[in-house]
């Protein structure tokens, strides 16, 4: 079962996706391990200054890289990765090659293209060039001043450039792999898709993260959080590679099989590395490796192959165990293993950089903590004026301890004009310590951008409405697409706040139509606050406001499948005596949940 995007993507080359729909696709094995066997010298790398820059071998020793590609294609690999894992501007700068990014990536993809085309012509079996895009070397989610000193846009530009070289060289798909920082992955996906739009091309994008033996990425991102974040982005295949052997991947793979609608790719190492005379050796032999990885294919994984330490023999045996026959039999017409049909249980999720949270809690409702808010807390306002972010962090942690599923964050102050800077600073601090997702509460698009550019998880944008027509929505929704965020919209339009049920529904429908049909968001990305006035206003026209709010919720749920609703319950009882407020809030909450 695959999950098509709401807004259909048009591909200029989708051969790889067609193959996945037909059968389990086999990837190649380890490029680095294969290169080590050649015992290359400084001369092979083009001189002492380039020694160790394996990506540069596509220029200085293309024959070596061609032999390695061929060695995997001969044993059944359908897709080979380009020798470009570290061929981005930052990593190539270590060798003074930062101005040759396009040249190196074009050459690598072109070399792999020629080898694949030759094998495809000889065998009649389609072969695919996967443009390998590894980490930048930076860790934007971290606090290390040397490793985190890069912006989201700078990272996006780096991946844009590498994608350009790989596509121009002939890649069939792009593979963002061995990812350790989920924020960097978001920047990579954004940069690559920006290149697609600028160039008028689109090929499949496969994204693979790396988990340790505890099932987490470097900064604590678990598999559920990774899925929540990545599924909201324009990618085509999601998966895992490197770090551990297949034995440590079983639980994360099971989660993927059960919870993502995207095709899954799994490319493990040949076991956990051991140190032998100062070198990393991968001990898992082809037979046990291939049996464990073939089991993943039987579970419903779409793409399997190998990473560090996997040799052609690993891939040969993997091919035979997956398809039930050697590659020679396929050449004679034997059918390859079709994809296993999966039963997928999906639910709308948001996430911090560490764990995911269901947007609809069972039992409900979902509780949003609102104390980290300069408009609703005098204490937080004072702390923001004093730049005391540590104390605000403690308030946030206290709310989580009290049961909040998400935290609303607002830093707007009339006394200061640096809302974007304060929001970025606070969100960065919260993201490193708070395990529940954040709701970015602001009316300013540049503040949303500042917050989401440093947030590793999947956040919610709060403050969207149609008060000024489309002015705000056309600034907010592009940011939701850029960062994969959900959007909380209020039922307000050019005429003001909606008070009757029909207008509440009509505004929600209008926003949904724009978000889904024009911006390609999914209904599950949308939340609507139907708003309510206090019962104590004394205004006759607002006497039934609470009832209209409840009925507005009911209309939205009945007629806009997939969207969700939110409500500030305590607004209804403002001005009521403390004893009565608790009762009124409880009754109102009950009926709102039941709507």
Protein backbone atom coordinates (compact mmCIF):
# COMPACT_ATOMS: atom_id res chain seq x y z
CA UNK A 1 0.00 0.00 0.00
CA UNK A 2 1.49 3.33 -1.03
CA UNK A 3 0.26 6.74 -0.03
CA UNK A 4 -0.17 9.10 -2.99
CA UNK A 5 0.28 12.79 -2.26
CA UNK A 6 -2.82 14.92 -2.08
CA UNK A 7 -1.58 17.07 -4.95
CA UNK A 8 -0.36 14.67 -7.63
CA UNK A 9 3.34 14.94 -8.43
CA UNK A 10 4.27 14.85 -12.08
CA UNK A 11 7.54 12.98 -12.70
CA UNK A 12 9.85 13.43 -15.65
CA UNK A 13 11.25 9.97 -14.83
CA UNK A 14 9.34 7.51 -12.65
CA UNK A 15 10.83 4.22 -13.88
CA UNK A 16 12.13 3.48 -10.39
CA UNK A 17 8.68 3.87 -8.81
CA UNK A 18 7.20 1.66 -11.52
CA UNK A 19 9.72 -1.06 -10.60
CA UNK A 20 8.84 -0.78 -6.90
CA UNK A 21 5.17 -1.22 -7.71
CA UNK A 22 6.03 -4.40 -9.64
CA UNK A 23 8.47 -6.21 -7.34
CA UNK A 24 10.98 -5.94 -4.49
CA UNK A 25 13.94 -3.91 -5.77
CA UNK A 26 17.51 -4.89 -4.85
CA UNK A 27 20.13 -2.19 -4.20
CA UNK A 28 23.90 -2.58 -4.33
CA UNK A 29 26.30 -2.92 -1.39
CA UNK A 30 29.16 -0.91 0.10
CA UNK A 31 31.12 1.46 -2.12
CA UNK A 32 33.66 2.35 0.59
CA UNK A 33 34.36 -1.27 1.51
CA UNK A 34 34.87 -2.09 -2.16
CA UNK A 35 37.28 0.81 -2.70
CA UNK A 36 39.43 -0.30 0.24
CA UNK A 37 40.13 -3.60 -1.51
CA UNK A 38 42.00 -1.81 -4.30
CA UNK A 39 44.74 -0.51 -2.01
CA UNK A 40 44.79 2.86 -3.75
CA UNK A 41 47.69 5.28 -3.32
CA UNK A 42 47.89 9.06 -3.25
CA UNK A 43 48.62 8.99 -6.97
CA UNK A 44 45.29 7.26 -7.63
CA UNK A 45 43.53 10.12 -5.87
CA UNK A 46 45.29 12.72 -8.00
CA UNK A 47 47.94 13.70 -5.51
CA UNK A 48 48.67 13.85 -1.79
CA UNK A 49 46.28 16.76 -1.26
CA UNK A 50 43.31 14.65 -2.45
CA UNK A 51 44.23 11.36 -0.80
CA UNK A 52 41.20 9.90 0.98
CA UNK A 53 38.65 11.88 -1.05
CA UNK A 54 36.88 8.83 -2.46
CA UNK A 55 34.31 10.97 -4.27
CA UNK A 56 37.12 12.42 -6.42
CA UNK A 57 37.92 8.96 -7.78
CA UNK A 58 35.14 9.42 -10.36
CA UNK A 59 37.55 11.93 -11.93
CA UNK A 60 40.94 10.31 -11.24
CA UNK A 61 40.10 6.56 -11.36
CA UNK A 62 36.69 6.18 -12.98
CA UNK A 63 37.68 2.66 -14.00
CA UNK A 64 37.73 1.58 -10.34
CA UNK A 65 34.28 2.98 -9.65
CA UNK A 66 32.94 1.45 -12.86
CA UNK A 67 34.24 -1.99 -11.85
CA UNK A 68 32.57 -1.67 -8.45
CA UNK A 69 29.22 -0.72 -9.97
CA UNK A 70 29.49 -3.64 -12.40
CA UNK A 71 30.38 -6.09 -9.61
CA UNK A 72 27.02 -5.44 -7.94
CA UNK A 73 24.98 -5.32 -11.13
CA UNK A 74 26.39 -8.72 -12.13
CA UNK A 75 24.94 -10.38 -9.03
CA UNK A 76 21.44 -8.92 -9.33
CA UNK A 77 21.49 -5.35 -8.03
CA UNK A 78 18.95 -3.27 -9.91
CA UNK A 79 20.05 0.05 -8.43
CA UNK A 80 23.57 1.32 -7.81
CA UNK A 81 24.45 4.36 -5.74
CA UNK A 82 26.71 7.00 -7.22
CA UNK A 83 30.09 7.51 -5.55
CA UNK A 84 29.01 10.89 -4.17
CA UNK A 85 28.22 10.26 -0.51
CA UNK A 86 30.46 13.18 0.57
CA UNK A 87 30.35 15.17 -2.66
CA UNK A 88 28.72 18.32 -1.29
CA UNK A 89 30.30 21.76 -1.04
CA UNK A 90 31.11 21.53 2.67
CA UNK A 91 32.75 18.11 2.67
CA UNK A 92 34.63 18.68 -0.59
CA UNK A 93 36.04 21.90 0.86
CA UNK A 94 38.23 19.73 3.10
CA UNK A 95 40.20 18.96 -0.07
CA UNK A 96 39.86 22.33 -1.78
CA UNK A 97 37.32 20.90 -4.22
CA UNK A 98 34.30 22.98 -3.18
CA UNK A 99 34.06 24.66 -6.59
CA UNK A 100 33.89 21.33 -8.42
CA UNK A 101 30.67 20.02 -6.88
CA UNK A 102 28.69 20.04 -10.11
CA UNK A 103 31.54 18.51 -12.10
CA UNK A 104 32.10 15.65 -9.64
CA UNK A 105 28.41 14.83 -9.23
CA UNK A 106 27.73 14.98 -12.95
CA UNK A 107 30.70 12.70 -13.60
CA UNK A 108 29.65 10.21 -10.91
CA UNK A 109 26.06 9.99 -12.14
CA UNK A 110 27.18 9.81 -15.76
CA UNK A 111 29.60 6.98 -14.99
CA UNK A 112 26.94 4.98 -13.15
CA UNK A 113 24.48 5.74 -15.96
CA UNK A 114 26.79 4.25 -18.59
CA UNK A 115 27.34 1.07 -16.59
CA UNK A 116 23.62 0.67 -15.86
CA UNK A 117 22.67 1.29 -19.47
CA UNK A 118 25.14 -1.36 -20.61
CA UNK A 119 23.72 -3.97 -18.23
CA UNK A 120 20.15 -3.01 -19.07
CA UNK A 121 20.85 -3.39 -22.78
CA UNK A 122 22.54 -6.76 -22.26
CA UNK A 123 19.91 -8.25 -19.92
CA UNK A 124 16.68 -6.39 -20.65
CA UNK A 125 16.30 -5.71 -16.91
CA UNK A 126 15.95 -2.00 -16.00
CA UNK A 127 18.84 -0.68 -13.89
CA UNK A 128 18.67 2.49 -11.85
CA UNK A 129 21.18 5.16 -10.86
CA UNK A 130 20.58 6.37 -7.30
CA UNK A 131 22.22 9.73 -6.69
CA UNK A 132 23.80 9.35 -3.24
CA UNK A 133 23.54 12.41 -0.99
CA UNK A 134 25.11 11.99 2.43
CA UNK A 135 25.20 14.36 5.42
CA UNK A 136 26.72 17.82 5.09
CA UNK A 137 29.01 17.40 8.07
CA UNK A 138 26.99 19.95 10.05
CA UNK A 139 24.51 19.19 12.85
CA UNK A 140 21.98 22.05 12.90
CA UNK A 141 19.90 20.54 15.73
CA UNK A 142 22.86 20.51 18.09
CA UNK A 143 24.39 23.12 20.37
CA UNK A 144 28.03 22.71 19.32
CA UNK A 145 28.97 26.16 17.97
CA UNK A 146 31.19 24.72 15.24
CA UNK A 147 28.77 22.05 14.00
CA UNK A 148 25.49 23.97 14.28
CA UNK A 149 26.66 27.26 12.77
CA UNK A 150 24.68 26.96 9.57
CA UNK A 151 21.20 28.08 8.61
CA UNK A 152 18.38 26.05 7.10
CA UNK A 153 18.63 28.02 3.85
CA UNK A 154 22.40 27.50 3.63
CA UNK A 155 21.92 23.76 4.03
CA UNK A 156 19.15 23.75 1.43
CA UNK A 157 21.47 25.51 -1.04
CA UNK A 158 24.16 22.87 -0.47
CA UNK A 159 21.78 20.01 -1.24
CA UNK A 160 20.24 21.91 -4.17
CA UNK A 161 23.68 22.11 -5.81
CA UNK A 162 24.45 18.42 -5.34
CA UNK A 163 21.01 17.41 -6.62
CA UNK A 164 21.57 19.50 -9.72
CA UNK A 165 24.82 17.73 -10.57
CA UNK A 166 23.34 14.27 -10.01
CA UNK A 167 20.22 14.89 -12.07
CA UNK A 168 22.18 16.48 -14.91
CA UNK A 169 24.48 13.45 -14.88
CA UNK A 170 21.57 11.03 -15.37
CA UNK A 171 20.33 9.86 -11.95
CA UNK A 172 16.99 8.01 -11.89
CA UNK A 173 16.36 8.88 -8.26
CA UNK A 174 17.99 10.88 -5.48
CA UNK A 175 18.89 9.15 -2.22
CA UNK A 176 19.34 11.22 0.94
CA UNK A 177 21.00 8.65 3.18
CA UNK A 178 22.72 7.93 6.49
CA UNK A 179 20.95 10.95 7.95
CA UNK A 180 21.63 11.59 11.63
CA UNK A 181 19.94 14.97 12.15
CA UNK A 182 16.27 15.20 11.16
CA UNK A 183 16.50 19.00 10.77
CA UNK A 184 19.21 18.55 8.16
CA UNK A 185 16.97 16.05 6.36
CA UNK A 186 14.20 18.65 6.19
CA UNK A 187 16.64 21.14 4.68
CA UNK A 188 17.84 18.55 2.17
CA UNK A 189 14.30 17.70 1.06
CA UNK A 190 13.46 21.39 0.71
CA UNK A 191 16.61 22.17 -1.27
CA UNK A 192 16.13 19.19 -3.60
CA UNK A 193 12.49 19.99 -4.27
CA UNK A 194 13.39 23.62 -4.91
CA UNK A 195 15.85 22.39 -7.54
CA UNK A 196 13.14 20.20 -9.08
CA UNK A 197 10.83 23.21 -9.38
CA UNK A 198 13.51 25.51 -10.81
CA UNK A 199 14.73 22.94 -13.34
CA UNK A 200 11.29 21.68 -14.33
CA UNK A 201 12.21 18.08 -13.53
CA UNK A 202 11.11 15.56 -10.91
CA UNK A 203 12.58 12.19 -10.16
CA UNK A 204 11.81 10.04 -7.09
CA UNK A 205 13.29 11.10 -3.76
CA UNK A 206 14.23 8.36 -1.29
CA UNK A 207 15.16 9.37 2.27
CA UNK A 208 16.91 7.07 4.74
CA UNK A 209 17.77 7.89 8.33
CA UNK A 210 20.27 6.16 10.58
CA UNK A 211 19.34 4.76 14.00
CA UNK A 212 21.64 3.49 16.74
CA UNK A 213 21.15 0.23 18.63
CA UNK A 214 18.53 1.92 20.86
CA UNK A 215 16.46 2.85 17.81
CA UNK A 216 17.19 6.59 17.85
CA UNK A 217 18.96 9.10 15.65
CA UNK A 218 21.91 11.11 16.96
CA UNK A 219 19.79 13.69 18.82
CA UNK A 220 17.25 11.21 20.15
CA UNK A 221 14.74 11.13 17.28
CA UNK A 222 12.85 7.83 17.42
CA UNK A 223 11.37 6.09 14.40
CA UNK A 224 7.84 7.40 15.03
CA UNK A 225 9.09 10.98 15.16
CA UNK A 226 11.11 10.47 11.98
CA UNK A 227 8.04 9.07 10.20
CA UNK A 228 5.81 11.92 11.41
CA UNK A 229 8.30 14.49 10.15
CA UNK A 230 9.20 12.87 6.83
CA UNK A 231 5.71 11.78 5.74
CA UNK A 232 4.67 15.44 5.79
CA UNK A 233 7.39 16.28 3.25
CA UNK A 234 7.41 15.64 -0.53
CA UNK A 235 9.35 12.37 -0.56
CA UNK A 236 8.59 9.08 -2.31
CA UNK A 237 10.36 6.36 -0.32
CA UNK A 238 11.28 6.27 3.38
CA UNK A 239 13.82 4.00 4.99
CA UNK A 240 16.81 3.13 7.14
CA UNK A 241 20.43 2.45 6.37
CA UNK A 242 23.88 2.07 7.91
CA UNK A 243 24.77 2.30 11.63
CA UNK A 244 23.72 -1.20 12.70
CA UNK A 245 23.25 -4.60 11.22
CA UNK A 246 19.79 -5.95 10.39
CA UNK A 247 19.42 -7.63 13.77
CA UNK A 248 19.06 -4.20 15.48
CA UNK A 249 16.64 -2.90 12.86
CA UNK A 250 13.80 -5.33 13.45
CA UNK A 251 11.63 -3.15 15.71
CA UNK A 252 12.05 0.06 13.66
CA UNK A 253 11.34 -1.88 10.46
CA UNK A 254 8.20 -3.36 12.02
CA UNK A 255 7.06 0.15 12.92
CA UNK A 256 7.59 1.32 9.36
CA UNK A 257 5.76 -1.67 7.91
CA UNK A 258 2.78 -1.06 10.19
CA UNK A 259 2.57 2.74 10.15
CA UNK A 260 3.82 4.34 6.94
CA UNK A 261 1.96 4.32 3.66
CA UNK A 262 5.14 5.13 1.73
CA UNK A 263 7.32 2.44 0.13
CA UNK A 264 10.10 1.38 2.53
CA UNK A 265 13.82 0.90 1.86
CA UNK A 266 16.16 -0.95 4.24
CA UNK A 267 19.93 -1.06 3.58
CA UNK A 268 21.75 -2.34 6.70
CA UNK A 269 25.44 -2.72 7.40
CA UNK A 270 26.98 -6.18 7.51
CA UNK A 271 26.59 -6.15 11.28
CA UNK A 272 28.00 -3.79 13.89
CA UNK A 273 31.63 -2.92 13.14
CA UNK A 274 34.43 -4.31 15.28
CA UNK A 275 37.93 -2.87 15.56
CA UNK A 276 40.61 -5.08 14.03
CA UNK A 277 44.11 -3.58 14.02
CA UNK A 278 42.69 -0.07 13.94
CA UNK A 279 40.23 -0.73 11.12
CA UNK A 280 36.46 -1.15 11.20
CA UNK A 281 35.51 -4.67 10.16
CA UNK A 282 31.91 -5.70 9.51
CA UNK A 283 31.52 -9.31 10.67
CA UNK A 284 28.10 -10.42 9.40
CA UNK A 285 28.58 -12.95 6.61
CA UNK A 286 26.40 -13.06 3.47
CA UNK A 287 24.17 -15.97 4.54
CA UNK A 288 22.81 -14.61 7.86
CA UNK A 289 22.77 -11.05 6.49
CA UNK A 290 20.72 -12.00 3.45
CA UNK A 291 18.30 -14.15 5.45
CA UNK A 292 17.51 -11.35 7.90
CA UNK A 293 17.11 -8.70 5.20
CA UNK A 294 15.01 -11.00 3.00
CA UNK A 295 12.68 -11.40 5.97
CA UNK A 296 12.11 -7.63 5.86
CA UNK A 297 11.00 -8.02 2.23
CA UNK A 298 8.52 -10.69 3.31
CA UNK A 299 7.12 -8.21 5.84
CA UNK A 300 6.44 -5.70 3.07
CA UNK A 301 9.66 -3.70 2.65
CA UNK A 302 9.88 -2.53 -0.97
CA UNK A 303 13.63 -1.95 -1.40
CA UNK A 304 16.48 -3.92 0.20
CA UNK A 305 20.23 -3.85 -0.18
CA UNK A 306 23.39 -3.32 1.80
CA UNK A 307 25.49 -0.58 3.33
CA UNK A 308 28.92 -0.68 5.01
CA UNK A 309 30.72 -3.99 4.79
CA UNK A 310 28.37 -5.61 2.27
CA UNK A 311 30.17 -7.20 -0.67
CA UNK A 312 28.81 -8.53 -3.98
CA UNK A 313 28.31 -11.95 -2.36
CA UNK A 314 25.98 -10.36 0.23
CA UNK A 315 23.90 -8.93 -2.60
CA UNK A 316 23.96 -12.16 -4.63
CA UNK A 317 22.58 -14.16 -1.72
CA UNK A 318 20.09 -11.42 -0.86
CA UNK A 319 18.75 -11.51 -4.42
CA UNK A 320 18.35 -15.28 -4.27
CA UNK A 321 16.62 -15.27 -0.87
CA UNK A 322 14.26 -12.44 -1.79
CA UNK A 323 13.25 -13.75 -5.22
CA UNK A 324 13.68 -17.47 -4.61
CA UNK A 325 16.06 -17.97 -7.52
CA UNK A 326 19.44 -16.71 -8.79
CA UNK A 327 19.67 -13.72 -11.09
CA UNK A 328 20.33 -16.05 -14.03
CA UNK A 329 16.79 -17.43 -13.66
CA UNK A 330 15.36 -13.93 -13.84
CA UNK A 331 17.18 -13.45 -17.12
CA UNK A 332 15.33 -16.51 -18.40
CA UNK A 333 11.94 -15.11 -17.44
CA UNK A 334 11.43 -16.14 -13.80
CA UNK A 335 9.11 -13.72 -11.97
CA UNK A 336 10.66 -11.61 -9.24
CA UNK A 337 9.02 -11.36 -5.81
CA UNK A 338 6.03 -9.00 -5.89
CA UNK A 339 5.54 -6.56 -3.06
CA UNK A 340 3.91 -7.96 0.07
CA UNK A 341 0.61 -6.21 0.76
CA UNK A 342 0.76 -4.44 4.10
CA UNK A 343 -2.00 -3.54 6.54
CA UNK A 344 -1.09 0.00 7.50
CA UNK A 345 -2.52 1.80 10.51
CA UNK A 346 -2.00 5.52 10.10
CA UNK A 347 -2.95 8.41 12.33
CA UNK A 348 -2.18 12.13 12.11
CA UNK A 349 1.01 12.87 14.02
CA UNK A 350 3.09 15.84 15.01
CA UNK A 351 6.45 15.51 16.68
CA UNK A 352 9.24 17.08 18.61
CA UNK A 353 12.77 16.25 17.59
CA UNK A 354 12.54 13.21 19.86
CA UNK A 355 9.11 11.61 19.78
CA UNK A 356 5.78 11.75 17.99
CA UNK A 357 2.41 12.69 19.44
CA UNK A 358 -0.96 11.70 18.05
CA UNK A 359 -2.94 14.79 17.12
CA UNK A 360 -6.08 12.99 18.26
CA UNK A 361 -5.56 11.44 21.68
CA UNK A 362 -7.46 8.35 22.79
CA UNK A 363 -9.00 8.97 25.23
CA UNK A 364 -9.30 12.61 24.30
CA UNK A 365 -9.05 15.45 24.26
CA UNK A 366 -5.56 16.51 23.25
CA UNK A 367 -4.32 18.95 25.88
CA UNK A 368 -2.38 22.03 24.76
CA UNK A 369 -0.27 23.83 27.35
CA UNK A 370 -0.57 27.61 26.95
CA UNK A 371 1.68 29.05 29.65
CA UNK A 372 4.70 29.65 27.38
CA UNK A 373 2.85 32.65 26.04
CA UNK A 374 3.73 36.31 26.35
CA UNK A 375 0.09 37.30 25.79
CA UNK A 376 -1.34 35.06 28.48
CA UNK A 377 1.34 34.94 31.18
CA UNK A 378 2.79 37.97 32.96
CA UNK A 379 5.63 35.81 34.22
CA UNK A 380 6.62 34.64 30.75
CA UNK A 381 6.38 38.21 29.47
CA UNK A 382 8.77 39.36 32.20
CA UNK A 383 11.17 36.50 31.49
CA UNK A 384 11.18 37.32 27.78
CA UNK A 385 11.94 40.96 28.51
CA UNK A 386 14.86 39.73 30.62
CA UNK A 387 15.98 37.17 27.99
CA UNK A 388 15.71 34.49 30.67
CA UNK A 389 15.11 31.49 28.41
CA UNK A 390 16.23 28.94 30.99
CA UNK A 391 13.35 29.88 33.28
CA UNK A 392 10.89 29.72 30.39
CA UNK A 393 12.21 26.25 29.58
CA UNK A 394 11.40 25.18 33.14
CA UNK A 395 7.84 26.47 32.75
CA UNK A 396 7.54 24.40 29.58
CA UNK A 397 8.85 21.28 31.29
CA UNK A 398 6.44 21.79 34.19
CA UNK A 399 3.54 21.87 31.74
CA UNK A 400 4.69 18.63 30.15
CA UNK A 401 4.92 17.06 33.60
CA UNK A 402 1.33 18.22 34.21
CA UNK A 403 0.08 16.31 31.17
CA UNK A 404 0.29 18.68 28.21
CA UNK A 405 0.47 16.82 24.89
CA UNK A 406 1.68 19.92 23.02
CA UNK A 407 2.91 23.39 23.95
CA UNK A 408 1.73 26.66 22.43
CA UNK A 409 4.62 29.14 22.16
CA UNK A 410 4.08 32.89 21.74
CA UNK A 411 6.75 35.57 22.30
CA UNK A 412 5.11 38.69 20.83
CA UNK A 413 5.78 41.82 22.92
CA UNK A 414 4.82 45.45 22.36
CA UNK A 415 7.97 46.44 24.26
CA UNK A 416 10.35 44.71 21.82
CA UNK A 417 10.70 44.54 18.04
CA UNK A 418 12.78 41.34 17.79
CA UNK A 419 10.01 38.73 17.89
CA UNK A 420 11.67 36.58 15.21
CA UNK A 421 14.98 36.47 17.06
CA UNK A 422 13.33 35.67 20.38
CA UNK A 423 11.17 32.98 18.83
CA UNK A 424 14.16 31.37 17.12
CA UNK A 425 16.18 31.44 20.34
CA UNK A 426 13.40 30.00 22.50
CA UNK A 427 12.34 27.32 20.00
CA UNK A 428 15.95 26.17 19.65
CA UNK A 429 16.24 25.80 23.43
CA UNK A 430 12.87 24.08 23.78
CA UNK A 431 13.60 21.68 20.93
CA UNK A 432 16.64 20.31 22.74
CA UNK A 433 14.83 19.52 25.99
CA UNK A 434 11.05 19.32 25.51
CA UNK A 435 9.76 16.02 24.14
CA UNK A 436 6.28 17.19 23.14
CA UNK A 437 5.61 19.06 19.88
CA UNK A 438 5.42 22.85 19.72
CA UNK A 439 2.68 25.08 18.34
CA UNK A 440 4.15 28.26 16.87
CA UNK A 441 1.73 31.04 17.79
CA UNK A 442 2.29 34.28 15.89
CA UNK A 443 0.66 36.51 13.30
CA UNK A 444 3.94 37.21 11.49
CA UNK A 445 5.17 34.96 8.66
CA UNK A 446 8.81 35.84 9.27
CA UNK A 447 8.47 34.68 12.88
CA UNK A 448 7.00 31.36 11.73
CA UNK A 449 9.90 30.96 9.31
CA UNK A 450 12.44 31.76 12.02
CA UNK A 451 10.92 29.22 14.41
CA UNK A 452 10.52 26.35 11.95
CA UNK A 453 14.00 26.86 10.49
CA UNK A 454 15.50 25.63 13.78
CA UNK A 455 12.81 23.13 14.80
CA UNK A 456 13.74 19.50 14.08
CA UNK A 457 10.29 17.96 14.48
CA UNK A 458 6.88 18.52 12.94
CA UNK A 459 5.27 21.58 14.50
CA UNK A 460 1.85 23.22 14.23
CA UNK A 461 1.47 26.79 12.96
CA UNK A 462 -1.14 28.75 14.94
CA UNK A 463 -2.73 32.02 13.87
CA UNK A 464 -3.97 31.38 10.35
CA UNK A 465 -7.25 32.98 9.25
CA UNK A 466 -8.97 34.91 6.45
CA UNK A 467 -9.32 38.19 8.34
CA UNK A 468 -7.56 40.09 5.54
CA UNK A 469 -8.74 37.83 2.77
CA UNK A 470 -5.95 35.65 1.43
CA UNK A 471 -3.12 37.90 2.56
CA UNK A 472 -2.17 35.82 5.59
CA UNK A 473 -3.04 32.38 4.27
CA UNK A 474 -0.86 32.91 1.20
CA UNK A 475 2.09 33.65 3.48
CA UNK A 476 1.44 30.88 6.01
CA UNK A 477 0.64 27.88 3.78
CA UNK A 478 3.89 28.03 1.77
CA UNK A 479 5.75 27.80 5.09
CA UNK A 480 3.65 24.81 6.11
CA UNK A 481 4.67 23.11 2.85
CA UNK A 482 8.31 24.11 3.21
CA UNK A 483 8.70 22.65 6.69
CA UNK A 484 5.99 19.96 6.70
CA UNK A 485 4.02 21.68 9.47
CA UNK A 486 0.36 21.32 10.37
CA UNK A 487 -1.79 24.47 10.43
CA UNK A 488 -4.28 25.62 13.05
CA UNK A 489 -6.76 28.11 11.55
CA UNK A 490 -9.40 30.21 13.26
CA UNK A 491 -12.87 30.66 11.80
CA UNK A 492 -12.38 34.34 11.02
CA UNK A 493 -12.84 35.95 7.62
CA UNK A 494 -13.14 39.44 6.13
CA UNK A 495 -16.40 39.97 8.06
CA UNK A 496 -14.79 39.08 11.37
CA UNK A 497 -15.21 36.17 13.76
CA UNK A 498 -17.92 33.71 12.77
CA UNK A 499 -20.64 33.30 15.39
CA UNK A 500 -23.14 30.96 13.77
CA UNK A 501 -22.46 27.34 12.87
CA UNK A 502 -22.88 27.74 9.11
CA UNK A 503 -20.34 30.56 8.80
CA UNK A 504 -17.86 28.67 10.97
CA UNK A 505 -18.16 25.71 8.62
CA UNK A 506 -18.02 27.82 5.46
CA UNK A 507 -14.79 29.52 6.55
CA UNK A 508 -13.24 26.17 7.44
CA UNK A 509 -14.27 24.78 4.04
CA UNK A 510 -12.84 27.78 2.22
CA UNK A 511 -9.50 27.39 3.97
CA UNK A 512 -9.51 23.63 3.35
CA UNK A 513 -10.14 24.11 -0.37
CA UNK A 514 -7.21 26.53 -0.66
CA UNK A 515 -4.85 24.41 1.45
CA UNK A 516 -5.60 21.09 -0.25
CA UNK A 517 -6.31 22.06 -3.85
CA UNK A 518 -3.84 24.92 -4.28
CA UNK A 519 -1.02 24.11 -1.85
CA UNK A 520 -1.17 20.33 -1.78
CA UNK A 521 -1.63 19.94 1.97
CA UNK A 522 -3.53 16.92 3.26
CA UNK A 523 -6.80 17.33 5.18
CA UNK A 524 -5.04 15.79 8.19
CA UNK A 525 -2.63 18.74 8.15
CA UNK A 526 -5.47 21.11 9.03
CA UNK A 527 -6.96 22.00 12.42
CA UNK A 528 -9.81 24.46 12.96
CA UNK A 529 -10.55 26.50 16.06
CA UNK A 530 -14.24 27.38 15.89
CA UNK A 531 -13.80 29.95 18.71
CA UNK A 532 -16.32 30.95 21.33
CA UNK A 533 -17.22 34.03 23.33
CA UNK A 534 -17.78 34.15 27.10
CA UNK A 535 -21.35 33.61 28.23
CA UNK A 536 -21.06 36.73 30.37
CA UNK A 537 -20.91 39.34 27.60
CA UNK A 538 -24.51 40.32 28.17
CA UNK A 539 -25.01 40.70 24.43
CA UNK A 540 -28.22 39.09 23.24
CA UNK A 541 -26.74 38.12 19.86
CA UNK A 542 -24.01 36.11 21.63
CA UNK A 543 -26.31 34.27 24.02
CA UNK A 544 -26.12 31.04 21.97
CA UNK A 545 -22.47 31.40 20.95
CA UNK A 546 -21.31 28.30 22.83
CA UNK A 547 -24.03 26.15 21.24
CA UNK A 548 -23.17 27.48 17.78
CA UNK A 549 -19.52 26.67 18.43
CA UNK A 550 -20.35 23.06 19.29
CA UNK A 551 -22.59 22.71 16.25
CA UNK A 552 -19.91 24.30 14.09
CA UNK A 553 -17.49 21.61 15.24
CA UNK A 554 -20.07 18.99 14.34
CA UNK A 555 -20.58 20.42 10.83
CA UNK A 556 -16.83 20.55 10.17
CA UNK A 557 -16.30 16.96 11.30
CA UNK A 558 -19.23 15.70 9.24
CA UNK A 559 -18.42 17.52 6.01
CA UNK A 560 -14.63 17.92 5.96
CA UNK A 561 -13.30 14.39 6.52
CA UNK A 562 -9.77 14.20 7.83
CA UNK A 563 -9.49 17.69 9.31
CA UNK A 564 -9.39 18.20 13.06
CA UNK A 565 -10.79 20.74 15.49
CA UNK A 566 -9.42 22.61 18.49
CA UNK A 567 -11.01 24.91 21.03
CA UNK A 568 -10.04 27.18 23.91
CA UNK A 569 -12.54 25.73 26.37
CA UNK A 570 -12.06 28.18 29.25
CA UNK A 571 -13.00 31.21 27.11
CA UNK A 572 -16.66 30.28 27.57
CA UNK A 573 -16.53 30.82 31.34
CA UNK A 574 -14.55 34.05 31.50
CA UNK A 575 -16.10 36.31 34.12
CA UNK A 576 -17.92 33.49 35.90
CA UNK A 577 -17.20 32.82 39.59
CA UNK A 578 -14.32 30.35 40.19
CA UNK A 579 -16.60 27.65 41.59
CA UNK A 580 -18.93 27.84 38.61
CA UNK A 581 -16.10 28.07 36.04
CA UNK A 582 -14.94 24.52 36.68
CA UNK A 583 -18.43 23.13 36.22
CA UNK A 584 -19.16 25.17 33.10
CA UNK A 585 -15.81 24.31 31.53
CA UNK A 586 -16.36 20.60 32.16
CA UNK A 587 -19.84 20.60 30.61
CA UNK A 588 -18.66 22.61 27.60
CA UNK A 589 -15.65 20.33 27.13
CA UNK A 590 -17.84 17.22 27.23
CA UNK A 591 -20.19 18.47 24.53
CA UNK A 592 -17.35 19.79 22.35
CA UNK A 593 -15.62 16.40 22.43
CA UNK A 594 -18.90 14.62 21.65
CA UNK A 595 -19.67 16.86 18.68
